[in-house]
PDB file of N, CA and C in Angstrom:
ATOM      1  N   MET A   1     -32.889   4.932 -35.743  1.00  0.00           N
ATOM      2  CA  MET A   1     -31.508   5.080 -36.153  1.00  0.00           C
ATOM      3  C   MET A   1     -30.683   5.790 -35.076  1.00  0.00           C
ATOM      4  N   LYS A   2     -31.300   6.799 -34.453  1.00  0.00           N
ATOM      5  CA  LYS A   2     -30.546   7.550 -33.449  1.00  0.00           C
ATOM      6  C   LYS A   2     -30.239   6.686 -32.234  1.00  0.00           C
ATOM      7  N   SER A   3     -31.142   5.741 -31.922  1.00  0.00           N
ATOM      8  CA  SER A   3     -30.862   4.864 -30.785  1.00  0.00           C
ATOM      9  C   SER A   3     -29.693   3.932 -31.096  1.00  0.00           C
ATOM     10  N   LEU A   4     -29.582   3.494 -32.343  1.00  0.00           N
ATOM     11  CA  LEU A   4     -28.460   2.649 -32.737  1.00  0.00           C
ATOM     12  C   LEU A   4     -27.152   3.431 -32.670  1.00  0.00           C
ATOM     13  N   ARG A   5     -27.212   4.693 -33.095  1.00  0.00           N
ATOM     14  CA  ARG A   5     -26.015   5.527 -33.023  1.00  0.00           C
ATOM     15  C   ARG A   5     -25.628   5.774 -31.568  1.00  0.00           C
ATOM     16  N   GLY A   6     -26.631   6.023 -30.720  1.00  0.00           N
ATOM     17  CA  GLY A   6     -26.360   6.222 -29.293  1.00  0.00           C
ATOM     18  C   GLY A   6     -25.789   4.980 -28.645  1.00  0.00           C
ATOM     19  N   PHE A   7     -26.322   3.814 -29.019  1.00  0.00           N
ATOM     20  CA  PHE A   7     -25.776   2.558 -28.507  1.00  0.00           C
ATOM     21  C   PHE A   7     -24.323   2.396 -28.935  1.00  0.00           C
ATOM     22  N   GLY A   8     -24.050   2.711 -30.194  1.00  0.00           N
ATOM     23  CA  GLY A   8     -22.681   2.575 -30.703  1.00  0.00           C
ATOM     24  C   GLY A   8     -21.697   3.445 -29.950  1.00  0.00           C
ATOM     25  N   VAL A   9     -22.070   4.695 -29.738  1.00  0.00           N
ATOM     26  CA  VAL A   9     -21.179   5.616 -29.027  1.00  0.00           C
ATOM     27  C   VAL A   9     -20.986   5.164 -27.585  1.00  0.00           C
ATOM     28  N   THR A  10     -22.067   4.728 -26.946  1.00  0.00           N
ATOM     29  CA  THR A  10     -21.974   4.263 -25.561  1.00  0.00           C
ATOM     30  C   THR A  10     -21.107   3.014 -25.451  1.00  0.00           C
ATOM     31  N   ALA A  11     -21.293   2.068 -26.362  1.00  0.00           N
ATOM     32  CA  ALA A  11     -20.504   0.833 -26.330  1.00  0.00           C
ATOM     33  C   ALA A  11     -19.020   1.124 -26.566  1.00  0.00           C
ATOM     34  N   ILE A  12     -18.717   2.027 -27.493  1.00  0.00           N
ATOM     35  CA  ILE A  12     -17.321   2.405 -27.733  1.00  0.00           C
ATOM     36  C   ILE A  12     -16.726   3.019 -26.471  1.00  0.00           C
ATOM     37  N   TYR A  13     -17.468   3.918 -25.845  1.00  0.00           N
ATOM     38  CA  TYR A  13     -16.983   4.590 -24.638  1.00  0.00           C
ATOM     39  C   TYR A  13     -16.719   3.581 -23.511  1.00  0.00           C
ATOM     40  N   ILE A  14     -17.665   2.682 -23.287  1.00  0.00           N
ATOM     41  CA  ILE A  14     -17.501   1.696 -22.210  1.00  0.00           C
ATOM     42  C   ILE A  14     -16.337   0.756 -22.514  1.00  0.00           C
ATOM     43  N   GLY A  15     -16.234   0.294 -23.758  1.00  0.00           N
ATOM     44  CA  GLY A  15     -15.144  -0.611 -24.131  1.00  0.00           C
ATOM     45  C   GLY A  15     -13.784   0.020 -23.966  1.00  0.00           C
ATOM     46  N   VAL A  16     -13.639   1.250 -24.420  1.00  0.00           N
ATOM     47  CA  VAL A  16     -12.350   1.940 -24.296  1.00  0.00           C
ATOM     48  C   VAL A  16     -12.044   2.220 -22.831  1.00  0.00           C
ATOM     49  N   THR A  17     -13.056   2.571 -22.054  1.00  0.00           N
ATOM     50  CA  THR A  17     -12.850   2.847 -20.632  1.00  0.00           C
ATOM     51  C   THR A  17     -12.393   1.596 -19.882  1.00  0.00           C
ATOM     52  N   ILE A  18     -13.025   0.460 -20.159  1.00  0.00           N
ATOM     53  CA  ILE A  18     -12.613  -0.793 -19.513  1.00  0.00           C
ATOM     54  C   ILE A  18     -11.173  -1.130 -19.888  1.00  0.00           C
ATOM     55  N   GLY A  19     -10.851  -1.036 -21.161  1.00  0.00           N
ATOM     56  CA  GLY A  19      -9.494  -1.349 -21.610  1.00  0.00           C
ATOM     57  C   GLY A  19      -8.453  -0.415 -21.011  1.00  0.00           C
ATOM     58  N   ALA A  20      -8.751   0.875 -20.995  1.00  0.00           N
ATOM     59  CA  ALA A  20      -7.792   1.838 -20.447  1.00  0.00           C
ATOM     60  C   ALA A  20      -7.625   1.665 -18.942  1.00  0.00           C
ATOM     61  N   THR A  21      -8.706   1.375 -18.248  1.00  0.00           N
ATOM     62  CA  THR A  21      -8.620   1.164 -16.801  1.00  0.00           C
ATOM     63  C   THR A  21      -7.798  -0.071 -16.476  1.00  0.00           C
ATOM     64  N   LEU A  22      -8.048  -1.140 -17.196  1.00  0.00           N
ATOM     65  CA  LEU A  22      -7.303  -2.380 -16.960  1.00  0.00           C
ATOM     66  C   LEU A  22      -5.824  -2.192 -17.278  1.00  0.00           C
ATOM     67  N   TRP A  23      -5.534  -1.545 -18.397  1.00  0.00           N
ATOM     68  CA  TRP A  23      -4.141  -1.299 -18.770  1.00  0.00           C
ATOM     69  C   TRP A  23      -3.466  -0.398 -17.748  1.00  0.00           C
ATOM     70  N   GLY A  24      -4.136   0.693 -17.363  1.00  0.00           N
ATOM     71  CA  GLY A  24      -3.552   1.635 -16.413  1.00  0.00           C
ATOM     72  C   GLY A  24      -3.290   1.008 -15.062  1.00  0.00           C
ATOM     73  N   SER A  25      -4.189   0.168 -14.615  1.00  0.00           N
ATOM     74  CA  SER A  25      -4.029  -0.495 -13.324  1.00  0.00           C
ATOM     75  C   SER A  25      -2.822  -1.422 -13.327  1.00  0.00           C
ATOM     76  N   ASN A  26      -2.724  -2.272 -14.334  1.00  0.00           N
ATOM     77  CA  ASN A  26      -1.592  -3.201 -14.402  1.00  0.00           C
ATOM     78  C   ASN A  26      -0.276  -2.472 -14.648  1.00  0.00           C
ATOM     79  N   PHE A  27      -0.315  -1.440 -15.482  1.00  0.00           N
ATOM     80  CA  PHE A  27       0.891  -0.684 -15.788  1.00  0.00           C
ATOM     81  C   PHE A  27       1.421   0.015 -14.544  1.00  0.00           C
ATOM     82  N   SER A  28       0.535   0.634 -13.765  1.00  0.00           N
ATOM     83  CA  SER A  28       0.985   1.349 -12.570  1.00  0.00           C
ATOM     84  C   SER A  28       1.522   0.377 -11.516  1.00  0.00           C
ATOM     85  N   ASP A  29       0.882  -0.790 -11.380  1.00  0.00           N
ATOM     86  CA  ASP A  29       1.388  -1.791 -10.436  1.00  0.00           C
ATOM     87  C   ASP A  29       2.788  -2.251 -10.833  1.00  0.00           C
ATOM     88  N   TYR A  30       2.983  -2.509 -12.118  1.00  0.00           N
ATOM     89  CA  TYR A  30       4.293  -2.976 -12.579  1.00  0.00           C
ATOM     90  C   TYR A  30       5.348  -1.876 -12.445  1.00  0.00           C
ATOM     91  N   MET A  31       4.979  -0.621 -12.747  1.00  0.00           N
ATOM     92  CA  MET A  31       5.939   0.476 -12.632  1.00  0.00           C
ATOM     93  C   MET A  31       6.360   0.681 -11.186  1.00  0.00           C
ATOM     94  N   LEU A  32       5.420   0.492 -10.246  1.00  0.00           N
ATOM     95  CA  LEU A  32       5.780   0.607  -8.836  1.00  0.00           C
ATOM     96  C   LEU A  32       6.811  -0.457  -8.459  1.00  0.00           C
ATOM     97  N   LEU A  33       6.575  -1.684  -8.889  1.00  0.00           N
ATOM     98  CA  LEU A  33       7.543  -2.751  -8.600  1.00  0.00           C
ATOM     99  C   LEU A  33       8.886  -2.485  -9.272  1.00  0.00           C
ATOM    100  N   GLU A  34       8.840  -1.938 -10.487  1.00  0.00           N
ATOM    101  CA  GLU A  34      10.095  -1.639 -11.187  1.00  0.00           C
ATOM    102  C   GLU A  34      10.860  -0.527 -10.474  1.00  0.00           C
ATOM    103  N   ASP A  35      10.140   0.482  -9.986  1.00  0.00           N
ATOM    104  CA  ASP A  35      10.798   1.565  -9.256  1.00  0.00           C
ATOM    105  C   ASP A  35      11.453   1.063  -7.975  1.00  0.00           C
ATOM    106  N   LEU A  36      10.829   0.071  -7.363  1.00  0.00           N
ATOM    107  CA  LEU A  36      11.391  -0.497  -6.144  1.00  0.00           C
ATOM    108  C   LEU A  36      12.460  -1.554  -6.430  1.00  0.00           C
ATOM    109  N   GLY A  37      12.674  -1.849  -7.708  1.00  0.00           N
ATOM    110  CA  GLY A  37      13.667  -2.842  -8.090  1.00  0.00           C
ATOM    111  C   GLY A  37      13.189  -4.268  -7.897  1.00  0.00           C
ATOM    112  N   LEU A  38      11.879  -4.449  -7.848  1.00  0.00           N
ATOM    113  CA  LEU A  38      11.316  -5.777  -7.603  1.00  0.00           C
ATOM    114  C   LEU A  38      10.659  -6.376  -8.843  1.00  0.00           C
ATOM    115  N   ASP A  39      10.990  -5.858 -10.017  1.00  0.00           N
ATOM    116  CA  ASP A  39      10.327  -6.347 -11.231  1.00  0.00           C
ATOM    117  C   ASP A  39      10.707  -7.778 -11.572  1.00  0.00           C
ATOM    118  N   ALA A  40      11.824  -8.280 -11.073  1.00  0.00           N
ATOM    119  CA  ALA A  40      12.213  -9.665 -11.324  1.00  0.00           C
ATOM    120  C   ALA A  40      11.746 -10.598 -10.205  1.00  0.00           C
ATOM    121  N   SER A  41      11.059 -10.029  -9.214  1.00  0.00           N
ATOM    122  CA  SER A  41      10.588 -10.849  -8.090  1.00  0.00           C
ATOM    123  C   SER A  41       9.358 -11.647  -8.512  1.00  0.00           C
ATOM    124  N   ALA A  42       8.858 -12.444  -7.592  1.00  0.00           N
ATOM    125  CA  ALA A  42       7.670 -13.260  -7.876  1.00  0.00           C
ATOM    126  C   ALA A  42       6.460 -12.380  -8.179  1.00  0.00           C
ATOM    127  N   ALA A  43       6.350 -11.243  -7.484  1.00  0.00           N
ATOM    128  CA  ALA A  43       5.221 -10.333  -7.736  1.00  0.00           C
ATOM    129  C   ALA A  43       5.324  -9.712  -9.129  1.00  0.00           C
ATOM    130  N   GLY A  44       6.528  -9.348  -9.543  1.00  0.00           N
ATOM    131  CA  GLY A  44       6.724  -8.777 -10.874  1.00  0.00           C
ATOM    132  C   GLY A  44       6.412  -9.771 -11.969  1.00  0.00           C
ATOM    133  N   VAL A  45       6.829 -11.015 -11.761  1.00  0.00           N
ATOM    134  CA  VAL A  45       6.546 -12.068 -12.743  1.00  0.00           C
ATOM    135  C   VAL A  45       5.046 -12.346 -12.797  1.00  0.00           C
ATOM    136  N   ALA A  46       4.387 -12.319 -11.644  1.00  0.00           N
ATOM    137  CA  ALA A  46       2.937 -12.551 -11.604  1.00  0.00           C
ATOM    138  C   ALA A  46       2.176 -11.444 -12.319  1.00  0.00           C
ATOM    139  N   LEU A  47       2.657 -10.211 -12.216  1.00  0.00           N
ATOM    140  CA  LEU A  47       1.985  -9.107 -12.894  1.00  0.00           C
ATOM    141  C   LEU A  47       2.149  -9.170 -14.410  1.00  0.00           C
ATOM    142  N   GLN A  48       3.187  -9.835 -14.869  1.00  0.00           N
ATOM    143  CA  GLN A  48       3.397  -9.943 -16.308  1.00  0.00           C
ATOM    144  C   GLN A  48       2.469 -10.966 -16.942  1.00  0.00           C
ATOM    145  N   LYS A  49       1.896 -11.841 -16.145  1.00  0.00           N
ATOM    146  CA  LYS A  49       0.978 -12.850 -16.667  1.00  0.00           C
ATOM    147  C   LYS A  49      -0.438 -12.287 -16.696  1.00  0.00           C
ATOM    148  N   VAL A  50      -1.200 -12.664 -17.687  1.00  0.00           N
ATOM    149  CA  VAL A  50      -2.583 -12.210 -17.818  1.00  0.00           C
ATOM    150  C   VAL A  50      -3.487 -13.268 -17.201  1.00  0.00           C
ATOM    151  N   SER A  51      -4.252 -12.856 -16.197  1.00  0.00           N
ATOM    152  CA  SER A  51      -5.142 -13.804 -15.527  1.00  0.00           C
ATOM    153  C   SER A  51      -6.391 -14.039 -16.368  1.00  0.00           C
ATOM    154  N   LEU A  52      -7.165 -15.015 -15.971  1.00  0.00           N
ATOM    155  CA  LEU A  52      -8.393 -15.341 -16.687  1.00  0.00           C
ATOM    156  C   LEU A  52      -9.389 -14.178 -16.628  1.00  0.00           C
ATOM    157  N   GLY A  53      -9.488 -13.533 -15.474  1.00  0.00           N
ATOM    158  CA  GLY A  53     -10.389 -12.389 -15.334  1.00  0.00           C
ATOM    159  C   GLY A  53      -9.964 -11.215 -16.198  1.00  0.00           C
ATOM    160  N   GLU A  54      -8.660 -10.964 -16.243  1.00  0.00           N
ATOM    161  CA  GLU A  54      -8.159  -9.875 -17.086  1.00  0.00           C
ATOM    162  C   GLU A  54      -8.377 -10.185 -18.563  1.00  0.00           C
ATOM    163  N   ARG A  55      -8.182 -11.442 -18.940  1.00  0.00           N
ATOM    164  CA  ARG A  55      -8.410 -11.832 -20.331  1.00  0.00           C
ATOM    165  C   ARG A  55      -9.884 -11.640 -20.694  1.00  0.00           C
ATOM    166  N   PHE A  56     -10.785 -11.997 -19.775  1.00  0.00           N
ATOM    167  CA  PHE A  56     -12.212 -11.808 -19.998  1.00  0.00           C
ATOM    168  C   PHE A  56     -12.540 -10.321 -20.177  1.00  0.00           C
ATOM    169  N   LEU A  57     -11.983  -9.471 -19.302  1.00  0.00           N
ATOM    170  CA  LEU A  57     -12.243  -8.040 -19.409  1.00  0.00           C
ATOM    171  C   LEU A  57     -11.663  -7.452 -20.693  1.00  0.00           C
ATOM    172  N   LEU A  58     -10.487  -7.918 -21.096  1.00  0.00           N
ATOM    173  CA  LEU A  58      -9.904  -7.441 -22.350  1.00  0.00           C
ATOM    174  C   LEU A  58     -10.761  -7.843 -23.546  1.00  0.00           C
ATOM    175  N   ASN A  59     -11.255  -9.084 -23.524  1.00  0.00           N
ATOM    176  CA  ASN A  59     -12.129  -9.531 -24.611  1.00  0.00           C
ATOM    177  C   ASN A  59     -13.430  -8.751 -24.634  1.00  0.00           C
ATOM    178  N   MET A  60     -14.021  -8.511 -23.471  1.00  0.00           N
ATOM    179  CA  MET A  60     -15.255  -7.726 -23.403  1.00  0.00           C
ATOM    180  C   MET A  60     -15.013  -6.297 -23.892  1.00  0.00           C
ATOM    181  N   SER A  61     -13.870  -5.747 -23.522  1.00  0.00           N
ATOM    182  CA  SER A  61     -13.516  -4.400 -23.963  1.00  0.00           C
ATOM    183  C   SER A  61     -13.408  -4.339 -25.487  1.00  0.00           C
ATOM    184  N   ALA A  62     -12.736  -5.323 -26.061  1.00  0.00           N
ATOM    185  CA  ALA A  62     -12.578  -5.351 -27.519  1.00  0.00           C
ATOM    186  C   ALA A  62     -13.920  -5.561 -28.211  1.00  0.00           C
ATOM    187  N   LEU A  63     -14.738  -6.472 -27.688  1.00  0.00           N
ATOM    188  CA  LEU A  63     -16.050  -6.722 -28.292  1.00  0.00           C
ATOM    189  C   LEU A  63     -16.954  -5.504 -28.210  1.00  0.00           C
ATOM    190  N   LEU A  64     -16.969  -4.839 -27.056  1.00  0.00           N
ATOM    191  CA  LEU A  64     -17.790  -3.640 -26.921  1.00  0.00           C
ATOM    192  C   LEU A  64     -17.318  -2.539 -27.857  1.00  0.00           C
ATOM    193  N   THR A  65     -16.014  -2.355 -27.932  1.00  0.00           N
ATOM    194  CA  THR A  65     -15.481  -1.292 -28.791  1.00  0.00           C
ATOM    195  C   THR A  65     -15.776  -1.581 -30.265  1.00  0.00           C
ATOM    196  N   LEU A  66     -15.494  -2.794 -30.710  1.00  0.00           N
ATOM    197  CA  LEU A  66     -15.735  -3.131 -32.117  1.00  0.00           C
ATOM    198  C   LEU A  66     -17.226  -3.199 -32.438  1.00  0.00           C
ATOM    199  N   GLY A  67     -18.016  -3.757 -31.522  1.00  0.00           N
ATOM    200  CA  GLY A  67     -19.463  -3.800 -31.728  1.00  0.00           C
ATOM    201  C   GLY A  67     -20.073  -2.411 -31.760  1.00  0.00           C
ATOM    202  N   GLY A  68     -19.607  -1.549 -30.880  1.00  0.00           N
ATOM    203  CA  GLY A  68     -20.085  -0.171 -30.875  1.00  0.00           C
ATOM    204  C   GLY A  68     -19.702   0.572 -32.135  1.00  0.00           C
ATOM    205  N   LEU A  69     -18.495   0.342 -32.604  1.00  0.00           N
ATOM    206  CA  LEU A  69     -18.054   0.975 -33.853  1.00  0.00           C
ATOM    207  C   LEU A  69     -18.892   0.476 -35.029  1.00  0.00           C
ATOM    208  N   GLY A  70     -19.153  -0.832 -35.049  1.00  0.00           N
ATOM    209  CA  GLY A  70     -20.003  -1.386 -36.108  1.00  0.00           C
ATOM    210  C   GLY A  70     -21.415  -0.829 -36.061  1.00  0.00           C
ATOM    211  N   GLY A  71     -21.988  -0.736 -34.860  1.00  0.00           N
ATOM    212  CA  GLY A  71     -23.325  -0.167 -34.717  1.00  0.00           C
ATOM    213  C   GLY A  71     -23.383   1.290 -35.118  1.00  0.00           C
ATOM    214  N   PHE A  72     -22.372   2.040 -34.751  1.00  0.00           N
ATOM    215  CA  PHE A  72     -22.315   3.457 -35.115  1.00  0.00           C
ATOM    216  C   PHE A  72     -22.218   3.630 -36.628  1.00  0.00           C
ATOM    217  N   LEU A  73     -21.344   2.856 -37.259  1.00  0.00           N
ATOM    218  CA  LEU A  73     -21.192   2.952 -38.716  1.00  0.00           C
ATOM    219  C   LEU A  73     -22.460   2.487 -39.440  1.00  0.00           C
ATOM    220  N   LEU A  74     -23.106   1.444 -38.914  1.00  0.00           N
ATOM    221  CA  LEU A  74     -24.354   0.969 -39.503  1.00  0.00           C
ATOM    222  C   LEU A  74     -25.430   2.039 -39.401  1.00  0.00           C
ATOM    223  N   ALA A  75     -25.514   2.716 -38.262  1.00  0.00           N
ATOM    224  CA  ALA A  75     -26.498   3.788 -38.092  1.00  0.00           C
ATOM    225  C   ALA A  75     -26.239   4.922 -39.073  1.00  0.00           C
ATOM    226  N   LEU A  76     -24.985   5.289 -39.245  1.00  0.00           N
ATOM    227  CA  LEU A  76     -24.671   6.352 -40.210  1.00  0.00           C
ATOM    228  C   LEU A  76     -25.035   5.933 -41.630  1.00  0.00           C
ATOM    229  N   PHE A  77     -24.748   4.682 -41.978  1.00  0.00           N
ATOM    230  CA  PHE A  77     -25.072   4.180 -43.309  1.00  0.00           C
ATOM    231  C   PHE A  77     -26.582   4.176 -43.529  1.00  0.00           C
ATOM    232  N   LEU A  78     -27.353   3.710 -42.547  1.00  0.00           N
ATOM    233  CA  LEU A  78     -28.815   3.649 -42.686  1.00  0.00           C
ATOM    234  C   LEU A  78     -29.428   5.046 -42.748  1.00  0.00           C
ATOM    235  N   GLU A  79     -28.903   5.981 -41.970  1.00  0.00           N
ATOM    236  CA  GLU A  79     -29.405   7.354 -42.029  1.00  0.00           C
ATOM    237  C   GLU A  79     -29.114   7.981 -43.385  1.00  0.00           C
ATOM    238  N   ARG A  80     -27.947   7.739 -43.913  1.00  0.00           N
ATOM    239  CA  ARG A  80     -27.594   8.291 -45.225  1.00  0.00           C
ATOM    240  C   ARG A  80     -28.473   7.672 -46.324  1.00  0.00           C
ATOM    241  N   LYS A  81     -28.730   6.375 -46.208  1.00  0.00           N
ATOM    242  CA  LYS A  81     -29.563   5.703 -47.184  1.00  0.00           C
ATOM    243  C   LYS A  81     -31.003   6.229 -47.119  1.00  0.00           C
ATOM    244  N   ALA A  82     -31.518   6.434 -45.909  1.00  0.00           N
ATOM    245  CA  ALA A  82     -32.866   6.972 -45.760  1.00  0.00           C
ATOM    246  C   ALA A  82     -32.956   8.406 -46.275  1.00  0.00           C
ATOM    247  N   ARG A  83     -31.920   9.185 -46.061  1.00  0.00           N
ATOM    248  CA  ARG A  83     -31.905  10.576 -46.533  1.00  0.00           C
ATOM    249  C   ARG A  83     -31.862  10.619 -48.060  1.00  0.00           C
ATOM    250  N   ASN A  84     -31.136   9.711 -48.693  1.00  0.00           N
ATOM    251  CA  ASN A  84     -31.046   9.683 -50.148  1.00  0.00           C
ATOM    252  C   ASN A  84     -32.336   9.198 -50.800  1.00  0.00           C
ATOM    253  N   GLN A  85     -33.102   8.337 -50.097  1.00  0.00           N
ATOM    254  CA  GLN A  85     -34.346   7.828 -50.655  1.00  0.00           C
ATOM    255  C   GLN A  85     -35.481   8.846 -50.607  1.00  0.00           C
ATOM    256  N   SER A  86     -35.405   9.781 -49.668  1.00  0.00           N
ATOM    257  CA  SER A  86     -36.500  10.761 -49.559  1.00  0.00           C
ATOM    258  C   SER A  86     -36.229  12.047 -50.291  1.00  0.00           C
TER     259      SER A  86
END
């Protein structure tokens, strides 16, 4: 049970870290272009589009976070059930 809980916490951490890193990277790039007044340029428009790689990372981030949360909750439920049976 503890390994499932550890997996859940680790998966949540990795998923949130990937999502925050991806968001922070794109946000800072866009803010730099906006500060320079280039947000309507071709580079600004390109940054507003989500590439295939970014979509893959966002999906992996969401799956890891939700899967980790599910694993963590399942571990807590199984531990509580085992504690009540003994």
